Protein backbone atom coordinates (compact mmCIF):
# COMPACT_ATOMS: atom_id res chain seq x y z
CA MET A 1 0.00 0.04 -0.01
CA PHE A 2 2.96 2.38 0.58
CA GLU A 3 5.80 2.57 -1.89
CA LEU A 4 9.05 4.28 -1.07
CA LEU A 5 10.31 6.06 -4.17
CA ALA A 6 13.31 8.10 -2.96
CA THR A 7 15.30 9.03 0.05
CA ASP A 8 17.65 11.94 0.90
CA PRO A 9 21.25 11.01 1.71
CA SER A 10 21.61 14.11 3.98
CA SER A 11 18.55 13.46 6.11
CA ARG A 12 15.77 11.03 6.84
CA ALA A 13 13.42 12.68 4.26
CA ARG A 14 11.47 10.31 2.02
CA ARG A 15 9.33 10.41 -1.14
CA GLY A 16 6.54 7.95 -1.15
CA ARG A 17 3.27 6.89 -2.51
CA LEU A 18 0.33 5.55 -0.56
CA GLN A 19 -2.59 3.73 -2.24
CA THR A 20 -5.92 4.07 -0.60
CA ALA A 21 -9.51 3.10 -1.43
CA HIS A 22 -10.21 6.49 -3.07
CA GLY A 23 -6.95 7.18 -4.83
CA VAL A 24 -3.13 7.52 -4.56
CA ILE A 25 -1.59 9.97 -2.19
CA GLU A 26 1.88 11.31 -3.11
CA THR A 27 4.03 11.94 -0.05
CA PRO A 28 5.14 14.13 1.72
CA VAL A 29 1.63 15.47 1.83
CA PHE A 30 -0.34 18.24 3.65
CA MET A 31 -3.98 17.40 4.52
CA PRO A 32 -6.41 20.37 4.99
CA VAL A 33 -8.50 20.09 8.03
CA GLY A 34 -12.24 19.67 7.47
CA THR A 35 -13.40 19.38 11.03
CA GLN A 36 -17.10 19.40 10.39
CA GLY A 37 -16.96 17.71 6.98
CA SER A 38 -15.88 20.98 5.37
CA VAL A 39 -12.64 22.76 4.96
CA LYS A 40 -13.87 26.12 6.23
CA GLY A 41 -15.10 28.31 3.32
CA ILE A 42 -13.74 26.02 0.62
CA SER A 43 -15.95 23.89 -1.63
CA PRO A 44 -14.91 20.32 -2.79
CA GLY A 45 -14.52 21.67 -6.27
CA GLU A 46 -12.13 24.37 -5.15
CA LEU A 47 -10.16 21.74 -3.23
CA ARG A 48 -9.81 19.69 -6.41
CA GLU A 49 -8.65 22.79 -8.30
CA LEU A 50 -6.02 23.23 -5.52
CA GLU A 51 -4.99 19.71 -6.38
CA THR A 52 -5.73 18.64 -2.75
CA GLN A 53 -5.03 14.89 -2.36
CA ILE A 54 -6.71 14.08 0.93
CA ILE A 55 -8.63 15.95 3.60
CA LEU A 56 -9.12 15.26 7.35
CA GLY A 57 -12.43 14.87 9.15
CA ASN A 58 -13.11 14.92 12.87
CA THR A 59 -14.74 11.89 14.44
CA TYR A 60 -15.97 13.71 17.56
CA HIS A 61 -17.49 16.70 15.85
CA LEU A 62 -19.17 14.61 13.14
CA TRP A 63 -20.52 12.22 15.77
CA VAL A 64 -22.09 15.13 17.71
CA ARG A 65 -23.24 16.93 14.58
CA PRO A 66 -24.86 15.82 12.31
CA GLY A 67 -24.60 12.35 13.79
CA THR A 68 -23.74 8.96 12.36
CA ASP A 69 -27.39 8.11 11.39
CA ILE A 70 -27.60 10.71 8.62
CA ILE A 71 -24.14 10.07 7.42
CA ARG A 72 -24.89 6.39 7.24
CA GLU A 73 -28.11 7.09 5.31
CA ALA A 74 -26.18 9.26 2.95
CA GLY A 75 -23.82 6.36 2.17
CA GLY A 76 -20.84 7.50 4.12
CA LEU A 77 -18.81 10.70 4.59
CA HIS A 78 -17.53 10.80 0.96
CA SER A 79 -21.06 10.83 -0.30
CA PHE A 80 -22.38 13.11 2.36
CA ILE A 81 -19.71 15.90 1.60
CA GLN A 82 -19.33 15.16 -2.09
CA TRP A 83 -15.62 14.35 -1.98
CA ASP A 84 -14.37 11.51 -4.13
CA ARG A 85 -10.73 11.61 -2.87
CA PRO A 86 -9.18 10.06 0.27
CA ILE A 87 -10.28 11.13 3.73
CA LEU A 88 -8.52 10.52 7.05
CA THR A 89 -10.51 10.79 10.18
CA ASP A 90 -8.93 11.34 13.63
CA SER A 91 -9.94 9.30 16.63
CA GLY A 92 -11.60 12.00 18.71
CA GLY A 93 -8.84 11.59 21.40
CA PHE A 94 -7.59 15.15 20.97
CA GLN A 95 -11.07 16.64 21.21
CA VAL A 96 -11.55 14.65 24.47
CA PHE A 97 -8.27 16.07 25.65
CA SER A 98 -9.35 19.62 24.73
CA LEU A 99 -12.51 19.15 26.81
CA ALA A 100 -10.42 18.57 29.91
CA LYS A 101 -12.66 20.42 32.28
CA LEU A 102 -15.62 18.31 31.24
CA ARG A 103 -14.18 14.84 30.93
CA LYS A 104 -13.39 11.73 33.11
CA VAL A 105 -10.95 9.23 31.73
CA ARG A 106 -11.09 5.61 32.90
CA GLU A 107 -10.12 2.24 31.50
CA GLU A 108 -13.41 1.79 29.51
CA GLY A 109 -13.03 5.24 27.73
CA CYS A 110 -13.95 8.78 28.41
CA THR A 111 -17.15 10.24 29.72
CA PHE A 112 -17.77 13.96 29.11
CA ASN A 113 -20.33 16.58 28.30
CA ASN A 114 -20.39 17.60 24.61
CA HIS A 115 -19.56 21.17 23.68
CA VAL A 116 -22.85 21.90 21.91
CA ASP A 117 -25.68 21.20 24.56
CA GLY A 118 -23.72 19.73 27.42
CA SER A 119 -25.34 16.35 27.17
CA PRO A 120 -23.38 13.40 28.60
CA MET A 121 -21.47 11.26 26.12
CA PHE A 122 -19.10 8.31 26.19
CA LEU A 123 -16.26 7.62 23.73
CA GLY A 124 -13.98 4.63 23.95
CA PRO A 125 -11.92 2.53 21.57
CA GLU A 126 -14.68 0.42 20.20
CA THR A 127 -17.02 3.40 19.90
CA ALA A 128 -14.39 5.54 18.08
CA MET A 129 -13.69 2.64 15.61
CA GLU A 130 -17.43 2.08 15.05
CA ILE A 131 -18.02 5.77 14.33
CA GLN A 132 -15.17 5.84 11.89
CA ALA A 133 -16.44 2.62 10.12
CA THR A 134 -19.81 4.41 9.62
CA LEU A 135 -17.95 7.41 8.30
CA GLY A 136 -16.14 5.11 5.77
CA SER A 137 -12.93 7.10 5.77
CA ASP A 138 -9.88 5.71 3.91
CA ILE A 139 -7.68 6.04 6.98
CA ALA A 140 -9.04 5.85 10.56
CA MET A 141 -7.08 6.74 13.58
CA LEU A 142 -6.99 4.56 16.76
CA PHE A 143 -8.38 6.03 19.91
CA ASP A 144 -5.72 7.46 22.21
CA GLU A 145 -5.20 9.76 25.10
CA CYS A 146 -3.29 12.96 24.43
CA THR A 147 -1.46 14.31 27.46
CA ALA A 148 -0.98 17.95 28.27
CA TYR A 149 2.33 19.91 28.49
CA PRO A 150 4.04 19.90 30.89
CA CYS A 151 3.22 16.39 32.03
CA PRO A 152 4.96 14.64 34.89
CA PRO A 153 6.77 11.41 33.89
CA ALA A 154 4.52 9.15 35.98
CA GLU A 155 1.35 10.71 34.46
CA ALA A 156 2.76 10.40 30.94
CA LYS A 157 3.77 6.81 31.54
CA ALA A 158 0.23 5.94 32.70
CA SER A 159 -1.33 7.74 29.73
CA MET A 160 0.92 6.07 27.28
CA GLU A 161 0.17 2.58 28.73
CA LEU A 162 -3.57 3.35 28.57
CA THR A 163 -3.13 4.33 24.87
CA LEU A 164 -1.46 1.01 24.20
CA ARG A 165 -4.29 -0.96 25.91
CA TRP A 166 -6.84 0.97 23.95
CA ALA A 167 -4.84 0.33 20.71
CA LYS A 168 -5.15 -3.39 21.38
CA ARG A 169 -8.86 -3.10 21.86
CA CYS A 170 -9.11 -1.05 18.64
CA ARG A 171 -7.23 -3.81 16.87
CA ASP A 172 -9.56 -6.46 18.17
CA TRP A 173 -12.50 -4.53 17.02
CA VAL A 174 -11.09 -4.02 13.57
CA ASP A 175 -10.18 -7.63 13.20
CA GLN A 176 -13.62 -8.72 14.15
CA HIS A 177 -15.60 -6.23 12.03
CA GLN A 178 -13.23 -5.68 9.05
CA PRO A 179 -14.53 -2.05 8.29
CA LEU A 180 -14.42 -0.72 4.77
CA ALA A 181 -13.93 2.67 3.13
CA GLY A 182 -17.18 4.05 1.79
CA PRO A 183 -17.83 3.99 -1.99
CA PHE A 184 -18.36 6.98 -3.99
CA GLY A 185 -18.24 8.31 -7.53
CA ARG A 186 -15.54 6.64 -9.59
CA HIS A 187 -14.76 4.41 -6.65
CA PRO A 188 -17.97 2.33 -6.54
CA LEU A 189 -16.52 -0.69 -4.70
CA HIS A 190 -15.82 -1.06 -1.02
CA GLN A 191 -12.15 -1.57 -0.05
CA ALA A 192 -10.63 -2.09 3.37
CA GLN A 193 -10.31 0.89 5.70
CA MET A 194 -6.73 1.46 6.92
CA HIS A 195 -6.05 2.11 10.49
CA PHE A 196 -3.06 4.00 12.08
CA PRO A 197 -2.20 3.89 15.76
CA ILE A 198 -0.82 6.96 17.53
CA VAL A 199 2.51 6.92 19.37
CA GLN A 200 2.26 8.79 22.67
CA GLY A 201 4.70 9.44 25.54
CA SER A 202 4.92 13.22 25.91
CA VAL A 203 8.54 14.53 25.73
CA TYR A 204 10.05 11.42 27.34
CA ARG A 205 12.30 9.40 25.09
CA GLU A 206 11.94 6.10 26.88
CA LEU A 207 8.18 6.34 26.84
CA ARG A 208 8.10 7.19 23.09
CA GLU A 209 10.46 4.31 22.34
CA ILE A 210 8.27 1.81 24.35
CA CYS A 211 5.08 3.03 22.80
CA ALA A 212 6.56 2.92 19.21
CA ARG A 213 7.78 -0.63 19.57
CA GLU A 214 4.59 -1.86 21.03
CA MET A 215 2.57 -0.30 18.30
CA VAL A 216 4.86 -1.60 15.53
CA ALA A 217 4.49 -5.14 16.95
CA MET A 218 0.73 -4.89 16.33
CA ASP A 219 1.54 -4.44 12.62
CA PHE A 220 -0.68 -1.63 11.25
CA PRO A 221 -0.42 -0.19 7.76
CA GLY A 222 0.81 3.21 9.00
CA TYR A 223 1.75 4.96 12.17
CA ALA A 224 1.26 8.53 13.65
CA ILE A 225 3.18 10.54 16.21
CA GLY A 226 0.64 12.40 18.46
CA GLY A 227 0.75 14.64 21.49
CA LEU A 228 2.86 17.34 19.78
CA SER A 229 2.15 21.03 19.49
CA VAL A 230 0.37 21.09 22.79
CA GLY A 231 2.79 23.59 24.46
CA GLU A 232 6.17 21.94 24.15
CA SER A 233 9.05 23.90 22.55
CA GLN A 234 9.96 23.52 18.93
CA GLU A 235 13.20 21.87 20.01
CA GLU A 236 11.38 19.29 22.05
CA MET A 237 9.01 18.57 19.13
CA TYR A 238 11.94 17.93 16.87
CA GLU A 239 13.53 15.66 19.46
CA VAL A 240 10.52 13.55 19.65
CA ALA A 241 10.36 13.16 15.94
CA ASP A 242 14.15 12.38 15.98
CA TRP A 243 13.66 9.63 18.53
CA THR A 244 10.45 8.16 17.25
CA ALA A 245 10.55 8.13 13.42
CA PRO A 246 13.48 5.75 13.17
CA LEU A 247 11.55 3.13 15.22
CA LEU A 248 8.71 3.05 12.79
CA PRO A 249 8.80 0.77 9.69
CA THR A 250 10.49 2.35 6.58
CA HIS A 251 7.92 0.77 4.19
CA LYS A 252 4.96 2.24 6.01
CA PRO A 253 3.75 5.98 6.02
CA ARG A 254 4.42 8.19 9.13
CA TYR A 255 1.95 10.87 10.11
CA GLY A 256 2.93 13.91 12.31
CA MET A 257 -0.51 15.00 13.76
CA GLY A 258 -1.50 18.64 14.07
CA LEU A 259 1.74 20.08 12.56
CA GLY A 260 3.05 22.72 11.65
CA THR A 261 4.43 25.99 10.28
CA PRO A 262 6.18 25.87 6.90
CA PRO A 263 9.64 25.59 8.19
CA GLN A 264 8.51 23.03 10.81
CA LEU A 265 6.98 20.89 8.10
CA ILE A 266 10.32 20.88 6.24
CA GLU A 267 12.17 20.01 9.31
CA LEU A 268 9.81 17.19 10.18
CA ILE A 269 10.03 15.85 6.60
CA ALA A 270 13.80 15.85 7.09
CA ARG A 271 13.28 13.70 10.24
CA GLY A 272 11.30 11.09 8.25
CA LEU A 273 7.65 12.08 8.46
CA ASP A 274 5.35 11.78 5.45
CA MET A 275 1.92 13.17 6.28
CA PHE A 276 0.76 16.35 8.09
CA ASP A 277 -2.38 18.30 8.99
CA CYS A 278 -2.70 21.65 10.54
CA VAL A 279 -5.50 24.26 11.06
CA LEU A 280 -3.10 27.19 10.51
CA PRO A 281 -3.70 27.82 6.71
CA THR A 282 -7.45 28.39 7.20
CA ARG A 283 -7.46 29.63 10.83
CA LEU A 284 -4.85 32.33 10.09
CA ALA A 285 -6.71 33.19 6.87
CA ARG A 286 -9.86 33.97 8.90
CA ASN A 287 -7.67 36.48 10.86
CA GLY A 288 -6.51 38.03 7.66
CA THR A 289 -3.07 36.46 7.47
CA ALA A 290 -1.44 35.00 4.42
CA PHE A 291 1.54 32.70 4.08
CA THR A 292 4.32 33.58 1.63
CA HIS A 293 7.83 32.21 1.10
CA GLU A 294 9.18 35.15 2.99
CA GLY A 295 6.92 34.66 6.03
CA THR A 296 3.39 35.72 6.91
CA LEU A 297 1.52 38.92 5.91
CA ASN A 298 -0.98 40.25 8.22
CA LEU A 299 -3.26 42.02 5.68
CA ARG A 300 -5.17 43.86 8.37
CA ASN A 301 -2.08 46.11 8.76
CA ALA A 302 -2.46 49.68 7.41
CA CYS A 303 0.63 49.31 5.33
CA TYR A 304 -1.25 47.26 2.81
CA ALA A 305 -4.03 49.69 2.38
CA LYS A 306 -2.50 50.95 -0.96
CA ASP A 307 -0.43 47.98 -1.83
CA LEU A 308 -1.58 46.82 -5.32
CA ARG A 309 0.74 43.83 -5.44
CA PRO A 310 -0.74 40.31 -5.26
CA ILE A 311 -0.28 38.27 -2.04
CA ALA A 312 2.50 36.42 -3.86
CA GLU A 313 3.54 36.09 -7.51
CA ASP A 314 3.00 32.26 -7.36
CA THR A 315 -0.45 32.29 -5.80
CA HIS A 316 -3.09 29.98 -7.22
CA PRO A 317 -5.01 31.17 -10.38
CA LEU A 318 -8.20 31.29 -8.26
CA VAL A 319 -6.50 34.11 -6.35
CA GLN A 320 -4.50 35.81 -9.03
CA GLY A 321 -5.45 39.45 -9.93
CA PHE A 322 -6.61 40.32 -6.42
CA SER A 323 -4.38 42.91 -4.81
CA ARG A 324 -3.29 43.12 -1.11
CA ALA A 325 -5.17 46.43 -0.87
CA TYR A 326 -8.37 44.78 -2.07
CA LEU A 327 -8.00 41.90 0.23
CA ARG A 328 -7.36 44.22 3.06
CA HIS A 329 -10.49 46.29 2.14
CA LEU A 330 -12.62 43.01 2.22
CA ILE A 331 -11.22 42.03 5.58
CA GLN A 332 -11.90 45.48 7.06
CA CYS A 333 -15.42 45.35 5.73
CA GLN A 334 -15.82 41.73 7.14
CA GLU A 335 -16.68 40.49 3.64
CA VAL A 336 -16.49 36.72 3.50
CA LEU A 337 -14.84 36.77 0.07
CA GLY A 338 -11.56 38.13 1.58
CA LEU A 339 -11.34 35.29 4.05
CA ARG A 340 -12.13 32.72 1.33
CA LEU A 341 -9.52 34.16 -1.08
CA ILE A 342 -6.81 34.15 1.67
CA SER A 343 -7.80 30.58 2.65
CA LEU A 344 -7.45 29.44 -0.97
CA HIS A 345 -4.06 31.06 -1.21
CA ASN A 346 -2.85 29.59 2.10
CA LEU A 347 -4.01 26.08 1.18
CA HIS A 348 -2.33 26.45 -2.21
CA PHE A 349 0.89 27.58 -0.39
CA TYR A 350 1.01 24.56 1.85
CA GLY A 351 0.13 22.14 -0.99
CA SER A 352 2.84 23.89 -3.19
CA LEU A 353 5.41 23.57 -0.35
CA MET A 354 4.76 19.80 -0.25
CA SER A 355 4.95 19.46 -4.08
CA LYS A 356 8.32 21.29 -4.08
CA ALA A 357 9.59 18.96 -1.29
CA ARG A 358 8.56 15.92 -3.37
CA ALA A 359 10.25 17.41 -6.48
CA ALA A 360 13.51 18.17 -4.44
CA LEU A 361 13.53 14.58 -3.17
CA GLU A 362 13.10 13.12 -6.73
CA GLN A 363 15.82 15.36 -7.99
CA GLY A 364 18.22 14.70 -5.14
CA CYS A 365 18.46 18.29 -4.04
CA PHE A 366 16.39 18.26 -0.83
CA ALA A 367 19.24 19.63 1.32
CA ASP A 368 19.40 22.76 -0.95
CA PHE A 369 15.58 23.07 -0.78
CA ARG A 370 15.61 22.73 2.97
CA ALA A 371 18.23 25.43 3.22
CA GLU A 372 16.36 27.81 0.92
CA VAL A 373 13.11 27.53 2.88
CA HIS A 374 14.93 28.46 6.11
CA ALA A 375 16.85 31.32 4.37
CA ARG A 376 13.74 32.95 2.95
CA TYR A 377 11.13 32.31 5.55
CA ARG A 378 11.06 34.85 8.43
CA THR A 379 9.11 34.01 11.52
CA ARG A 380 7.27 37.01 12.80
CA PRO A 381 5.21 37.74 15.91
CA GLU A 382 2.12 37.26 13.77
CA SER A 383 3.23 33.57 13.11
CA PRO A 384 1.79 31.63 16.12
CA GLN A 385 2.63 27.98 16.90
CA PRO A 386 0.38 25.51 15.25
CA ASN A 387 -2.21 23.39 17.12
CA SER A 388 -4.61 20.61 16.28
């Protein structure tokens, strides 16, 4: 299912190809976040024009609204949202983590009050896998517990061990039920859903190594590194990737969850990760911020009021012709078009960055590309750390 096409001699960077039920994914790849079954403000047709290979959906949010009954009746998530390319769904574990004030974690799973109407809910390993089976995603994540930062070693160890026990329960459920990815459009036949476990262990090397080895022993088609971008430093994030990626099989994809800024993505590719998702491209767009090769532009700033240049010369054709001044005008007037255009640009920027990384790996010049990204990109105060 995963083919390794090229490697970089100066780092652990890889160029790969992952076959899913709804098409091929060329890696390294960035996956736009479609929490509610929609990448905010962007239509499926526009995503296809951006050459988006795969999007991410959120198990918890789709379970709460609109609920699995209507998605099942629609024929699965692909049909419900009219998207005929691959979908990855997360486990809901991070959302349970983010509801810390409302949750109670025990061996069976998590009880909590949902964020919409406060009604009590329960989410555990079997429930999370059943929901994702109904969604029919191409890649479903195993249920895990995400620890906060900072996290004492004993607490991180207990959480990691719970994640391992939950992974085994997920594996048992998958083996028993053999869930399938939902059919849609030019993919009329059901194919097996893939399942990725999530390596946890906070910032502790021994815990990450134990978790990775135990997960690999369960033999899944891919693996994720979770629990990052929750408050740890960038250096700690890189260290966790440095420790963990070499322990994961070379012939299977590696997913860095909830990451990151453009330079961080390049550094994580260099450490051997293949797949990424992050809310930054669309979240910052809604705040009027655009990504460029030289860093971010906060288009709310007055300095752009008379700037007739485009966001960037290499922006997507959907955005070409619109000046920074016009986009600032739209933002100041709270016109939805402005936020949509910046979102389109930012998603194109992230997708283009991955495309250039793939080309550099194919051409054997990834080290030069990596250096160029760092030389050009300037981190500014308006460039916050990513989060899931």
